[in-house]
Amino acid sequence: MSKAIDMTQVVESVKSYEPKDGIAGPVQVSSDGPIRDAIAELIHGIHKRGFDPDECAFYMSPVVASKIHEENADGPLLTRADKYRGYPIRRHHDIPDHLIMFMSPKAASLGGKIYDPACIAFAELTEGVE
């Protein structure tokens, strides 16, 4: 039986991360526009830090994943129900509906400890998800 990541702890650790020893914290995006704009900023933020976004996946609530699917069902950005812009979508009930994370699976431990904050980006959505 495989263990699941404690996403409640990951979210808490990411949002409260304090940069130390010159290591930058997670990329933070505040978005009051469409979800697709926040997602573009997340990908750009990781890429701008020199980290390969191809190793990353989106982590979000099922509500946000459904909203993305509704908005893009007929468009070219949703390649499959479990991928957006070519990146995997990981759904977790423990992630708040106003938050999207884009990170490498290696960035955090199963218990929620942050190993590499530079390859984590998160967006707090202020509208668009009900």
Protein backbone atom coordinates (compact mmCIF):
# COMPACT_ATOMS: atom_id res chain seq x y z
CA MET A 1 0.00 0.00 0.00
CA SER A 2 1.48 3.35 -1.00
CA LYS A 3 1.38 6.31 1.33
CA ALA A 4 -0.28 9.55 0.31
CA ILE A 5 1.23 12.97 0.82
CA ASP A 6 -0.24 14.86 3.78
CA MET A 7 -1.50 17.77 1.67
CA THR A 8 -2.92 19.63 4.67
CA GLN A 9 0.58 19.81 6.10
CA VAL A 10 2.16 20.64 2.72
CA VAL A 11 -0.26 23.56 2.23
CA GLU A 12 0.43 24.83 5.75
CA SER A 13 4.20 24.48 5.28
CA VAL A 14 4.18 26.20 1.89
CA LYS A 15 2.05 29.13 3.03
CA SER A 16 4.06 29.70 6.20
CA TYR A 17 7.54 29.04 4.77
CA GLU A 18 10.16 31.53 5.95
CA PRO A 19 13.15 31.91 3.59
CA LYS A 20 16.44 31.06 5.29
CA ASP A 21 20.13 31.05 4.42
CA GLY A 22 19.49 32.87 1.14
CA ILE A 23 17.15 30.16 -0.15
CA ALA A 24 14.07 31.65 -1.75
CA GLY A 25 10.67 30.53 -0.59
CA PRO A 26 7.89 29.24 -2.81
CA VAL A 27 6.65 31.40 -5.68
CA GLN A 28 3.44 33.06 -4.54
CA VAL A 29 0.80 34.29 -6.99
CA SER A 30 -2.30 36.21 -6.04
CA SER A 31 -4.92 36.07 -8.75
CA ASP A 32 -8.24 37.80 -9.12
CA GLY A 33 -8.53 36.80 -12.77
CA PRO A 34 -9.32 33.55 -14.56
CA ILE A 35 -7.81 30.33 -13.25
CA ARG A 36 -5.93 29.86 -16.53
CA ASP A 37 -4.04 33.14 -15.88
CA ALA A 38 -2.99 31.99 -12.41
CA ILE A 39 -1.82 28.68 -13.86
CA ALA A 40 0.26 30.46 -16.50
CA GLU A 41 1.89 32.55 -13.75
CA LEU A 42 2.67 29.42 -11.71
CA ILE A 43 4.42 27.74 -14.64
CA HIS A 44 6.28 30.95 -15.50
CA GLY A 45 7.35 31.44 -11.85
CA ILE A 46 8.93 27.99 -11.66
CA HIS A 47 10.56 28.36 -15.08
CA LYS A 48 11.95 31.80 -14.18
CA ARG A 49 13.77 30.25 -11.21
CA GLY A 50 15.58 27.90 -13.56
CA PHE A 51 13.69 24.82 -12.47
CA ASP A 52 12.39 22.47 -15.17
CA PRO A 53 8.57 22.69 -15.00
CA ASP A 54 8.31 19.37 -16.87
CA GLU A 55 8.99 17.62 -13.56
CA CYS A 56 6.05 19.40 -11.89
CA ALA A 57 2.37 18.67 -11.42
CA PHE A 58 -0.63 20.72 -10.37
CA TYR A 59 -2.09 19.99 -6.94
CA MET A 60 -5.62 21.26 -6.31
CA SER A 61 -9.01 20.45 -4.86
CA PRO A 62 -11.49 18.44 -6.91
CA VAL A 63 -13.64 21.60 -7.12
CA VAL A 64 -10.88 23.57 -8.86
CA ALA A 65 -10.06 20.63 -11.13
CA SER A 66 -13.73 20.43 -12.17
CA LYS A 67 -13.79 24.17 -12.84
CA ILE A 68 -10.72 23.89 -15.07
CA HIS A 69 -12.34 21.00 -16.90
CA GLU A 70 -15.59 22.97 -17.41
CA GLU A 71 -13.75 26.04 -18.72
CA ASN A 72 -11.48 24.09 -21.07
CA ALA A 73 -13.35 20.94 -22.10
CA ASP A 74 -13.30 21.88 -25.77
CA GLY A 75 -10.00 23.75 -25.80
CA PRO A 76 -6.45 22.70 -26.64
CA LEU A 77 -5.08 23.29 -23.10
CA LEU A 78 -6.89 20.37 -21.49
CA THR A 79 -5.18 17.40 -23.10
CA ARG A 80 -6.96 14.82 -20.93
CA ALA A 81 -9.13 14.97 -17.83
CA ASP A 82 -6.00 14.49 -15.71
CA LYS A 83 -3.66 16.90 -17.57
CA TYR A 84 -3.71 20.63 -18.20
CA ARG A 85 -1.20 22.29 -20.51
CA GLY A 86 0.57 18.92 -20.54
CA TYR A 87 1.09 18.80 -16.77
CA PRO A 88 -0.56 16.22 -14.50
CA ILE A 89 -3.41 17.32 -12.23
CA ARG A 90 -3.38 15.78 -8.76
CA ARG A 91 -6.67 16.20 -6.90
CA HIS A 92 -6.69 16.32 -3.10
CA HIS A 93 -9.67 16.96 -0.85
CA ASP A 94 -7.28 18.46 1.73
CA ILE A 95 -6.37 21.42 -0.49
CA PRO A 96 -8.61 24.48 -0.06
CA ASP A 97 -10.78 25.45 -3.03
CA HIS A 98 -9.01 28.81 -3.35
CA LEU A 99 -5.50 27.34 -3.76
CA ILE A 100 -3.56 25.78 -6.63
CA MET A 101 -0.03 24.45 -6.21
CA PHE A 102 2.44 23.67 -8.98
CA MET A 103 5.42 21.73 -7.73
CA SER A 104 7.79 18.88 -8.15
CA PRO A 105 6.70 15.75 -6.29
CA LYS A 106 10.22 15.74 -4.78
CA ALA A 107 9.72 19.20 -3.22
CA ALA A 108 7.95 17.90 -0.10
CA SER A 109 7.97 14.78 2.04
CA LEU A 110 4.96 12.56 2.65
CA GLY A 111 4.64 14.24 6.05
CA GLY A 112 4.61 17.73 4.55
CA LYS A 113 8.21 18.81 5.18
CA ILE A 114 9.44 21.17 2.45
CA TYR A 115 12.71 19.99 0.88
CA ASP A 116 13.03 22.39 -2.04
CA PRO A 117 10.88 25.52 -1.75
CA ALA A 118 12.34 27.00 -4.94
CA CYS A 119 10.46 24.44 -7.04
CA ILE A 120 7.07 25.14 -5.48
CA ALA A 121 4.62 27.76 -6.69
CA PHE A 122 1.14 28.42 -5.36
CA ALA A 123 -1.72 30.68 -6.29
CA GLU A 124 -4.44 31.96 -4.03
CA LEU A 125 -7.54 32.52 -6.13
CA THR A 126 -9.80 35.38 -5.11
CA GLU A 127 -12.61 34.63 -7.54
CA GLY A 128 -13.81 32.14 -10.09
CA VAL A 129 -14.30 29.08 -7.91
CA GLU A 130 -17.63 28.46 -6.23
